[in-house]
Amino acid sequence: MATFLSVDTKSVAPASGAPEPARLLYGDPKFRTWNVEERESGLYAGIWESTPGKWRIVYDEWEFCHILSGISVITEDGGQARTVKAGGTV
């Protein structure tokens, strides 16, 4: 197993997706995901992108994000909205 991973999407075809209709709040967002590493333990590394929209997520995994471009507003249930943009990390 390699201990250094280059996130090179040139050799990976993106997977397409969208929010589940019941979770969609606004717009018609479409997703593309380039997984360059995927392990049975649930660890993934890659690039994710979305067109504009608003949706609820249900997420029980730990996630690290570094925003490459664009702006995202993330609001936890009962929490305040947080804006992250290019160069930001959450």
PDB file of N, CA and C in Angstrom:
ATOM      1  N   MET A   1       0.841  -1.184   0.000  1.00  0.00           N
ATOM      2  CA  MET A   1       0.000   0.000   0.000  1.00  0.00           C
ATOM      3  C   MET A   1       0.883   1.242   0.000  1.00  0.00           C
ATOM      4  N   ALA A   2       0.589   2.158  -0.907  1.00  0.00           N
ATOM      5  CA  ALA A   2       1.330   3.402  -0.977  1.00  0.00           C
ATOM      6  C   ALA A   2       0.959   4.293   0.201  1.00  0.00           C
ATOM      7  N   THR A   3       1.910   5.044   0.704  1.00  0.00           N
ATOM      8  CA  THR A   3       1.625   5.972   1.797  1.00  0.00           C
ATOM      9  C   THR A   3       1.492   7.403   1.302  1.00  0.00           C
ATOM     10  N   PHE A   4       1.839   7.652   0.048  1.00  0.00           N
ATOM     11  CA  PHE A   4       1.690   8.975  -0.554  1.00  0.00           C
ATOM     12  C   PHE A   4       0.723   8.852  -1.717  1.00  0.00           C
ATOM     13  N   LEU A   5      -0.301   9.663  -1.725  1.00  0.00           N
ATOM     14  CA  LEU A   5      -1.325   9.584  -2.763  1.00  0.00           C
ATOM     15  C   LEU A   5      -1.421  10.909  -3.494  1.00  0.00           C
ATOM     16  N   SER A   6      -1.198  10.862  -4.787  1.00  0.00           N
ATOM     17  CA  SER A   6      -1.402  12.034  -5.635  1.00  0.00           C
ATOM     18  C   SER A   6      -2.860  12.056  -6.056  1.00  0.00           C
ATOM     19  N   VAL A   7      -3.503  13.186  -5.936  1.00  0.00           N
ATOM     20  CA  VAL A   7      -4.888  13.298  -6.355  1.00  0.00           C
ATOM     21  C   VAL A   7      -4.880  13.723  -7.821  1.00  0.00           C
ATOM     22  N   ASP A   8      -4.721  12.731  -8.691  1.00  0.00           N
ATOM     23  CA  ASP A   8      -4.646  12.941 -10.128  1.00  0.00           C
ATOM     24  C   ASP A   8      -5.913  12.391 -10.759  1.00  0.00           C
ATOM     25  N   THR A   9      -6.774  13.275 -11.207  1.00  0.00           N
ATOM     26  CA  THR A   9      -8.072  12.855 -11.745  1.00  0.00           C
ATOM     27  C   THR A   9      -8.023  12.508 -13.227  1.00  0.00           C
ATOM     28  N   LYS A  10      -6.892  12.672 -13.872  1.00  0.00           N
ATOM     29  CA  LYS A  10      -6.800  12.403 -15.315  1.00  0.00           C
ATOM     30  C   LYS A  10      -7.077  10.939 -15.653  1.00  0.00           C
ATOM     31  N   SER A  11      -6.769  10.037 -14.747  1.00  0.00           N
ATOM     32  CA  SER A  11      -6.949   8.612 -15.022  1.00  0.00           C
ATOM     33  C   SER A  11      -8.234   8.044 -14.411  1.00  0.00           C
ATOM     34  N   VAL A  12      -9.095   8.906 -13.872  1.00  0.00           N
ATOM     35  CA  VAL A  12     -10.316   8.463 -13.207  1.00  0.00           C
ATOM     36  C   VAL A  12     -11.525   9.099 -13.891  1.00  0.00           C
ATOM     37  N   ALA A  13     -12.474   8.274 -14.297  1.00  0.00           N
ATOM     38  CA  ALA A  13     -13.719   8.800 -14.869  1.00  0.00           C
ATOM     39  C   ALA A  13     -14.620   9.281 -13.737  1.00  0.00           C
ATOM     40  N   PRO A  14     -15.240  10.445 -13.881  1.00  0.00           N
ATOM     41  CA  PRO A  14     -16.107  10.926 -12.800  1.00  0.00           C
ATOM     42  C   PRO A  14     -17.420  10.158 -12.734  1.00  0.00           C
ATOM     43  N   ALA A  15     -17.919   9.983 -11.526  1.00  0.00           N
ATOM     44  CA  ALA A  15     -19.256   9.430 -11.311  1.00  0.00           C
ATOM     45  C   ALA A  15     -20.219  10.611 -11.215  1.00  0.00           C
ATOM     46  N   SER A  16     -21.399  10.467 -11.789  1.00  0.00           N
ATOM     47  CA  SER A  16     -22.391  11.544 -11.763  1.00  0.00           C
ATOM     48  C   SER A  16     -23.472  11.235 -10.739  1.00  0.00           C
ATOM     49  N   GLY A  17     -24.082  12.285 -10.205  1.00  0.00           N
ATOM     50  CA  GLY A  17     -25.155  12.095  -9.246  1.00  0.00           C
ATOM     51  C   GLY A  17     -25.909  13.380  -8.998  1.00  0.00           C
ATOM     52  N   ALA A  18     -26.838  13.316  -8.062  1.00  0.00           N
ATOM     53  CA  ALA A  18     -27.666  14.453  -7.667  1.00  0.00           C
ATOM     54  C   ALA A  18     -28.264  14.132  -6.297  1.00  0.00           C
ATOM     55  N   PRO A  19     -28.758  15.147  -5.588  1.00  0.00           N
ATOM     56  CA  PRO A  19     -29.409  14.861  -4.309  1.00  0.00           C
ATOM     57  C   PRO A  19     -30.677  14.036  -4.519  1.00  0.00           C
ATOM     58  N   GLU A  20     -31.031  13.250  -3.530  1.00  0.00           N
ATOM     59  CA  GLU A  20     -32.302  12.539  -3.580  1.00  0.00           C
ATOM     60  C   GLU A  20     -33.421  13.572  -3.663  1.00  0.00           C
ATOM     61  N   PRO A  21     -34.432  13.341  -4.486  1.00  0.00           N
ATOM     62  CA  PRO A  21     -35.512  14.324  -4.656  1.00  0.00           C
ATOM     63  C   PRO A  21     -36.132  14.802  -3.337  1.00  0.00           C
ATOM     64  N   ALA A  22     -36.280  13.923  -2.362  1.00  0.00           N
ATOM     65  CA  ALA A  22     -36.886  14.303  -1.081  1.00  0.00           C
ATOM     66  C   ALA A  22     -36.005  15.274  -0.286  1.00  0.00           C
ATOM     67  N   ARG A  23     -34.722  15.345  -0.601  1.00  0.00           N
ATOM     68  CA  ARG A  23     -33.802  16.229   0.121  1.00  0.00           C
ATOM     69  C   ARG A  23     -33.567  17.556  -0.590  1.00  0.00           C
ATOM     70  N   LEU A  24     -34.041  17.676  -1.805  1.00  0.00           N
ATOM     71  CA  LEU A  24     -33.822  18.876  -2.601  1.00  0.00           C
ATOM     72  C   LEU A  24     -34.663  20.036  -2.071  1.00  0.00           C
ATOM     73  N   LEU A  25     -34.018  21.183  -1.823  1.00  0.00           N
ATOM     74  CA  LEU A  25     -34.721  22.368  -1.335  1.00  0.00           C
ATOM     75  C   LEU A  25     -34.828  23.452  -2.404  1.00  0.00           C
ATOM     76  N   TYR A  26     -33.836  23.524  -3.296  1.00  0.00           N
ATOM     77  CA  TYR A  26     -33.818  24.594  -4.298  1.00  0.00           C
ATOM     78  C   TYR A  26     -32.894  24.223  -5.447  1.00  0.00           C
ATOM     79  N   GLY A  27     -33.289  24.569  -6.649  1.00  0.00           N
ATOM     80  CA  GLY A  27     -32.430  24.390  -7.816  1.00  0.00           C
ATOM     81  C   GLY A  27     -32.475  22.975  -8.367  1.00  0.00           C
ATOM     82  N   ASP A  28     -31.496  22.688  -9.214  1.00  0.00           N
ATOM     83  CA  ASP A  28     -31.365  21.382  -9.854  1.00  0.00           C
ATOM     84  C   ASP A  28     -29.888  20.980  -9.855  1.00  0.00           C
ATOM     85  N   PRO A  29     -29.281  20.827  -8.662  1.00  0.00           N
ATOM     86  CA  PRO A  29     -27.848  20.551  -8.605  1.00  0.00           C
ATOM     87  C   PRO A  29     -27.493  19.178  -9.166  1.00  0.00           C
ATOM     88  N   LYS A  30     -26.367  19.120  -9.822  1.00  0.00           N
ATOM     89  CA  LYS A  30     -25.791  17.883 -10.349  1.00  0.00           C
ATOM     90  C   LYS A  30     -24.383  17.760  -9.795  1.00  0.00           C
ATOM     91  N   PHE A  31     -23.994  16.541  -9.448  1.00  0.00           N
ATOM     92  CA  PHE A  31     -22.686  16.291  -8.854  1.00  0.00           C
ATOM     93  C   PHE A  31     -21.791  15.516  -9.811  1.00  0.00           C
ATOM     94  N   ARG A  32     -20.495  15.708  -9.661  1.00  0.00           N
ATOM     95  CA  ARG A  32     -19.497  14.830 -10.280  1.00  0.00           C
ATOM     96  C   ARG A  32     -18.444  14.543  -9.214  1.00  0.00           C
ATOM     97  N   THR A  33     -18.029  13.281  -9.144  1.00  0.00           N
ATOM     98  CA  THR A  33     -17.067  12.844  -8.137  1.00  0.00           C
ATOM     99  C   THR A  33     -15.964  12.036  -8.805  1.00  0.00           C
ATOM    100  N   TRP A  34     -14.727  12.409  -8.532  1.00  0.00           N
ATOM    101  CA  TRP A  34     -13.563  11.654  -8.995  1.00  0.00           C
ATOM    102  C   TRP A  34     -12.927  11.014  -7.765  1.00  0.00           C
ATOM    103  N   ASN A  35     -13.199   9.732  -7.509  1.00  0.00           N
ATOM    104  CA  ASN A  35     -12.579   9.018  -6.391  1.00  0.00           C
ATOM    105  C   ASN A  35     -11.253   8.443  -6.867  1.00  0.00           C
ATOM    106  N   VAL A  36     -10.163   8.954  -6.321  1.00  0.00           N
ATOM    107  CA  VAL A  36      -8.853   8.428  -6.696  1.00  0.00           C
ATOM    108  C   VAL A  36      -8.368   7.381  -5.698  1.00  0.00           C
ATOM    109  N   GLU A  37      -9.029   7.311  -4.557  1.00  0.00           N
ATOM    110  CA  GLU A  37      -8.720   6.290  -3.554  1.00  0.00           C
ATOM    111  C   GLU A  37     -10.007   5.953  -2.835  1.00  0.00           C
ATOM    112  N   GLU A  38     -10.280   4.666  -2.668  1.00  0.00           N
ATOM    113  CA  GLU A  38     -11.485   4.223  -1.979  1.00  0.00           C
ATOM    114  C   GLU A  38     -11.141   2.949  -1.226  1.00  0.00           C
ATOM    115  N   ARG A  39     -11.361   2.955   0.087  1.00  0.00           N
ATOM    116  CA  ARG A  39     -11.031   1.788   0.909  1.00  0.00           C
ATOM    117  C   ARG A  39     -12.283   1.231   1.564  1.00  0.00           C
ATOM    118  N   GLU A  40     -12.253  -0.059   1.857  1.00  0.00           N
ATOM    119  CA  GLU A  40     -13.388  -0.731   2.491  1.00  0.00           C
ATOM    120  C   GLU A  40     -13.760  -0.094   3.825  1.00  0.00           C
ATOM    121  N   SER A  41     -12.799   0.545   4.477  1.00  0.00           N
ATOM    122  CA  SER A  41     -13.045   1.172   5.775  1.00  0.00           C
ATOM    123  C   SER A  41     -13.904   2.427   5.653  1.00  0.00           C
ATOM    124  N   GLY A  42     -14.196   2.861   4.419  1.00  0.00           N
ATOM    125  CA  GLY A  42     -15.003   4.065   4.228  1.00  0.00           C
ATOM    126  C   GLY A  42     -14.185   5.310   4.006  1.00  0.00           C
ATOM    127  N   LEU A  43     -12.890   5.154   3.800  1.00  0.00           N
ATOM    128  CA  LEU A  43     -12.011   6.293   3.540  1.00  0.00           C
ATOM    129  C   LEU A  43     -11.953   6.544   2.038  1.00  0.00           C
ATOM    130  N   TYR A  44     -12.195   7.778   1.638  1.00  0.00           N
ATOM    131  CA  TYR A  44     -12.166   8.161   0.227  1.00  0.00           C
ATOM    132  C   TYR A  44     -11.281   9.385   0.073  1.00  0.00           C
ATOM    133  N   ALA A  45     -10.662   9.517  -1.080  1.00  0.00           N
ATOM    134  CA  ALA A  45      -9.912  10.721  -1.421  1.00  0.00           C
ATOM    135  C   ALA A  45     -10.206  11.033  -2.870  1.00  0.00           C
ATOM    136  N   GLY A  46     -10.450  12.287  -3.151  1.00  0.00           N
ATOM    137  CA  GLY A  46     -10.738  12.659  -4.525  1.00  0.00           C
ATOM    138  C   GLY A  46     -11.240  14.073  -4.627  1.00  0.00           C
ATOM    139  N   ILE A  47     -11.968  14.329  -5.702  1.00  0.00           N
ATOM    140  CA  ILE A  47     -12.512  15.650  -6.000  1.00  0.00           C
ATOM    141  C   ILE A  47     -14.030  15.503  -6.174  1.00  0.00           C
ATOM    142  N   TRP A  48     -14.778  16.442  -5.608  1.00  0.00           N
ATOM    143  CA  TRP A  48     -16.229  16.473  -5.757  1.00  0.00           C
ATOM    144  C   TRP A  48     -16.616  17.859  -6.222  1.00  0.00           C
ATOM    145  N   GLU A  49     -17.574  17.940  -7.150  1.00  0.00           N
ATOM    146  CA  GLU A  49     -18.067  19.245  -7.575  1.00  0.00           C
ATOM    147  C   GLU A  49     -19.579  19.192  -7.734  1.00  0.00           C
ATOM    148  N   SER A  50     -20.200  20.365  -7.662  1.00  0.00           N
ATOM    149  CA  SER A  50     -21.648  20.468  -7.793  1.00  0.00           C
ATOM    150  C   SER A  50     -22.011  21.741  -8.527  1.00  0.00           C
ATOM    151  N   THR A  51     -23.101  21.680  -9.278  1.00  0.00           N
ATOM    152  CA  THR A  51     -23.691  22.890  -9.814  1.00  0.00           C
ATOM    153  C   THR A  51     -24.525  23.514  -8.695  1.00  0.00           C
ATOM    154  N   PRO A  52     -24.959  24.780  -8.837  1.00  0.00           N
ATOM    155  CA  PRO A  52     -25.678  25.455  -7.746  1.00  0.00           C
ATOM    156  C   PRO A  52     -26.988  24.765  -7.358  1.00  0.00           C
ATOM    157  N   GLY A  53     -27.315  24.891  -6.080  1.00  0.00           N
ATOM    158  CA  GLY A  53     -28.557  24.362  -5.545  1.00  0.00           C
ATOM    159  C   GLY A  53     -28.484  24.314  -4.033  1.00  0.00           C
ATOM    160  N   LYS A  54     -29.549  23.827  -3.423  1.00  0.00           N
ATOM    161  CA  LYS A  54     -29.619  23.709  -1.969  1.00  0.00           C
ATOM    162  C   LYS A  54     -30.325  22.403  -1.632  1.00  0.00           C
ATOM    163  N   TRP A  55     -29.743  21.631  -0.725  1.00  0.00           N
ATOM    164  CA  TRP A  55     -30.316  20.344  -0.338  1.00  0.00           C
ATOM    165  C   TRP A  55     -29.888  19.986   1.070  1.00  0.00           C
ATOM    166  N   ARG A  56     -30.662  19.103   1.681  1.00  0.00           N
ATOM    167  CA  ARG A  56     -30.334  18.587   3.025  1.00  0.00           C
ATOM    168  C   ARG A  56     -29.477  17.347   2.837  1.00  0.00           C
ATOM    169  N   ILE A  57     -28.493  17.198   3.684  1.00  0.00           N
ATOM    170  CA  ILE A  57     -27.684  15.988   3.636  1.00  0.00           C
ATOM    171  C   ILE A  57     -27.839  15.211   4.930  1.00  0.00           C
ATOM    172  N   VAL A  58     -27.648  13.922   4.849  1.00  0.00           N
ATOM    173  CA  VAL A  58     -27.590  13.042   6.001  1.00  0.00           C
ATOM    174  C   VAL A  58     -26.232  12.383   5.905  1.00  0.00           C
ATOM    175  N   TYR A  59     -25.386  12.661   6.865  1.00  0.00           N
ATOM    176  CA  TYR A  59     -24.002  12.258   6.759  1.00  0.00           C
ATOM    177  C   TYR A  59     -23.519  11.730   8.089  1.00  0.00           C
ATOM    178  N   ASP A  60     -23.059  10.500   8.129  1.00  0.00           N
ATOM    179  CA  ASP A  60     -22.562   9.948   9.384  1.00  0.00           C
ATOM    180  C   ASP A  60     -21.077   9.603   9.301  1.00  0.00           C
ATOM    181  N   GLU A  61     -20.404  10.174   8.321  1.00  0.00           N
ATOM    182  CA  GLU A  61     -18.971   9.948   8.169  1.00  0.00           C
ATOM    183  C   GLU A  61     -18.217  11.215   8.546  1.00  0.00           C
ATOM    184  N   TRP A  62     -16.961  11.051   8.877  1.00  0.00           N
ATOM    185  CA  TRP A  62     -16.070  12.166   9.129  1.00  0.00           C
ATOM    186  C   TRP A  62     -15.558  12.639   7.783  1.00  0.00           C
ATOM    187  N   GLU A  63     -15.457  13.955   7.580  1.00  0.00           N
ATOM    188  CA  GLU A  63     -15.018  14.456   6.283  1.00  0.00           C
ATOM    189  C   GLU A  63     -14.109  15.665   6.452  1.00  0.00           C
ATOM    190  N   PHE A  64     -13.092  15.717   5.624  1.00  0.00           N
ATOM    191  CA  PHE A  64     -12.195  16.864   5.514  1.00  0.00           C
ATOM    192  C   PHE A  64     -12.382  17.436   4.125  1.00  0.00           C
ATOM    193  N   CYS A  65     -12.582  18.743   4.015  1.00  0.00           N
ATOM    194  CA  CYS A  65     -12.782  19.391   2.713  1.00  0.00           C
ATOM    195  C   CYS A  65     -11.863  20.589   2.575  1.00  0.00           C
ATOM    196  N   HIS A  66     -11.265  20.713   1.428  1.00  0.00           N
ATOM    197  CA  HIS A  66     -10.525  21.916   1.063  1.00  0.00           C
ATOM    198  C   HIS A  66     -11.187  22.447  -0.201  1.00  0.00           C
ATOM    199  N   ILE A  67     -11.720  23.640  -0.148  1.00  0.00           N
ATOM    200  CA  ILE A  67     -12.490  24.204  -1.251  1.00  0.00           C
ATOM    201  C   ILE A  67     -11.530  24.744  -2.312  1.00  0.00           C
ATOM    202  N   LEU A  68     -11.651  24.209  -3.525  1.00  0.00           N
ATOM    203  CA  LEU A  68     -10.784  24.629  -4.625  1.00  0.00           C
ATOM    204  C   LEU A  68     -11.339  25.850  -5.355  1.00  0.00           C
ATOM    205  N   SER A  69     -12.659  25.879  -5.534  1.00  0.00           N
ATOM    206  CA  SER A  69     -13.282  27.020  -6.203  1.00  0.00           C
ATOM    207  C   SER A  69     -14.737  27.105  -5.784  1.00  0.00           C
ATOM    208  N   GLY A  70     -15.320  28.274  -5.955  1.00  0.00           N
ATOM    209  CA  GLY A  70     -16.725  28.459  -5.636  1.00  0.00           C
ATOM    210  C   GLY A  70     -16.967  28.802  -4.178  1.00  0.00           C
ATOM    211  N   ILE A  71     -18.226  28.764  -3.804  1.00  0.00           N
ATOM    212  CA  ILE A  71     -18.672  29.119  -2.456  1.00  0.00           C
ATOM    213  C   ILE A  71     -19.709  28.097  -2.011  1.00  0.00           C
ATOM    214  N   SER A  72     -19.660  27.718  -0.753  1.00  0.00           N
ATOM    215  CA  SER A  72     -20.648  26.816  -0.179  1.00  0.00           C
ATOM    216  C   SER A  72     -21.104  27.379   1.163  1.00  0.00           C
ATOM    217  N   VAL A  73     -22.378  27.262   1.442  1.00  0.00           N
ATOM    218  CA  VAL A  73     -22.924  27.656   2.742  1.00  0.00           C
ATOM    219  C   VAL A  73     -23.395  26.380   3.422  1.00  0.00           C
ATOM    220  N   ILE A  74     -22.841  26.104   4.584  1.00  0.00           N
ATOM    221  CA  ILE A  74     -23.129  24.875   5.317  1.00  0.00           C
ATOM    222  C   ILE A  74     -23.785  25.250   6.640  1.00  0.00           C
ATOM    223  N   THR A  75     -24.937  24.638   6.933  1.00  0.00           N
ATOM    224  CA  THR A  75     -25.648  24.923   8.171  1.00  0.00           C
ATOM    225  C   THR A  75     -26.004  23.599   8.835  1.00  0.00           C
ATOM    226  N   GLU A  76     -25.481  23.372  10.034  1.00  0.00           N
ATOM    227  CA  GLU A  76     -25.858  22.180  10.787  1.00  0.00           C
ATOM    228  C   GLU A  76     -27.248  22.397  11.374  1.00  0.00           C
ATOM    229  N   ASP A  77     -27.986  21.311  11.613  1.00  0.00           N
ATOM    230  CA  ASP A  77     -29.300  21.431  12.251  1.00  0.00           C
ATOM    231  C   ASP A  77     -29.171  22.242  13.530  1.00  0.00           C
ATOM    232  N   GLY A  78     -29.953  23.294  13.634  1.00  0.00           N
ATOM    233  CA  GLY A  78     -29.936  24.128  14.832  1.00  0.00           C
ATOM    234  C   GLY A  78     -28.751  25.058  14.931  1.00  0.00           C
ATOM    235  N   GLY A  79     -27.877  25.064  13.925  1.00  0.00           N
ATOM    236  CA  GLY A  79     -26.678  25.895  13.985  1.00  0.00           C
ATOM    237  C   GLY A  79     -26.764  27.097  13.073  1.00  0.00           C
ATOM    238  N   GLN A  80     -25.702  27.871  13.067  1.00  0.00           N
ATOM    239  CA  GLN A  80     -25.655  29.047  12.203  1.00  0.00           C
ATOM    240  C   GLN A  80     -25.024  28.684  10.867  1.00  0.00           C
ATOM    241  N   ALA A  81     -25.371  29.421   9.838  1.00  0.00           N
ATOM    242  CA  ALA A  81     -24.815  29.199   8.502  1.00  0.00           C
ATOM    243  C   ALA A  81     -23.347  29.596   8.494  1.00  0.00           C
ATOM    244  N   ARG A  82     -22.532  28.774   7.854  1.00  0.00           N
ATOM    245  CA  ARG A  82     -21.105  29.065   7.708  1.00  0.00           C
ATOM    246  C   ARG A  82     -20.774  29.060   6.229  1.00  0.00           C
ATOM    247  N   THR A  83     -20.118  30.094   5.782  1.00  0.00           N
ATOM    248  CA  THR A  83     -19.743  30.211   4.376  1.00  0.00           C
ATOM    249  C   THR A  83     -18.294  29.820   4.211  1.00  0.00           C
ATOM    250  N   VAL A  84     -18.032  28.929   3.278  1.00  0.00           N
ATOM    251  CA  VAL A  84     -16.667  28.543   2.934  1.00  0.00           C
ATOM    252  C   VAL A  84     -16.472  28.811   1.446  1.00  0.00           C
ATOM    253  N   LYS A  85     -15.267  29.263   1.104  1.00  0.00           N
ATOM    254  CA  LYS A  85     -14.990  29.589  -0.289  1.00  0.00           C
ATOM    255  C   LYS A  85     -13.587  29.136  -0.653  1.00  0.00           C
ATOM    256  N   ALA A  86     -13.225  29.352  -1.906  1.00  0.00           N
ATOM    257  CA  ALA A  86     -11.938  28.894  -2.423  1.00  0.00           C
ATOM    258  C   ALA A  86     -10.810  29.207  -1.441  1.00  0.00           C
ATOM    259  N   GLY A  87     -10.020  28.189  -1.139  1.00  0.00           N
ATOM    260  CA  GLY A  87      -8.919  28.319  -0.192  1.00  0.00           C
ATOM    261  C   GLY A  87      -9.296  27.938   1.229  1.00  0.00           C
ATOM    262  N   GLY A  88     -10.601  27.847   1.520  1.00  0.00           N
ATOM    263  CA  GLY A  88     -11.067  27.494   2.852  1.00  0.00           C
ATOM    264  C   GLY A  88     -11.004  26.002   3.103  1.00  0.00           C
ATOM    265  N   THR A  89     -10.931  25.637   4.355  1.00  0.00           N
ATOM    266  CA  THR A  89     -10.857  24.240   4.757  1.00  0.00           C
ATOM    267  C   THR A  89     -11.839  24.000   5.893  1.00  0.00           C
ATOM    268  N   VAL A  90     -12.573  22.903   5.812  1.00  0.00           N
ATOM    269  CA  VAL A  90     -13.497  22.494   6.875  1.00  0.00           C
ATOM    270  C   VAL A  90     -13.361  21.015   7.128  1.00  0.00           C
TER     271      VAL A  90
END
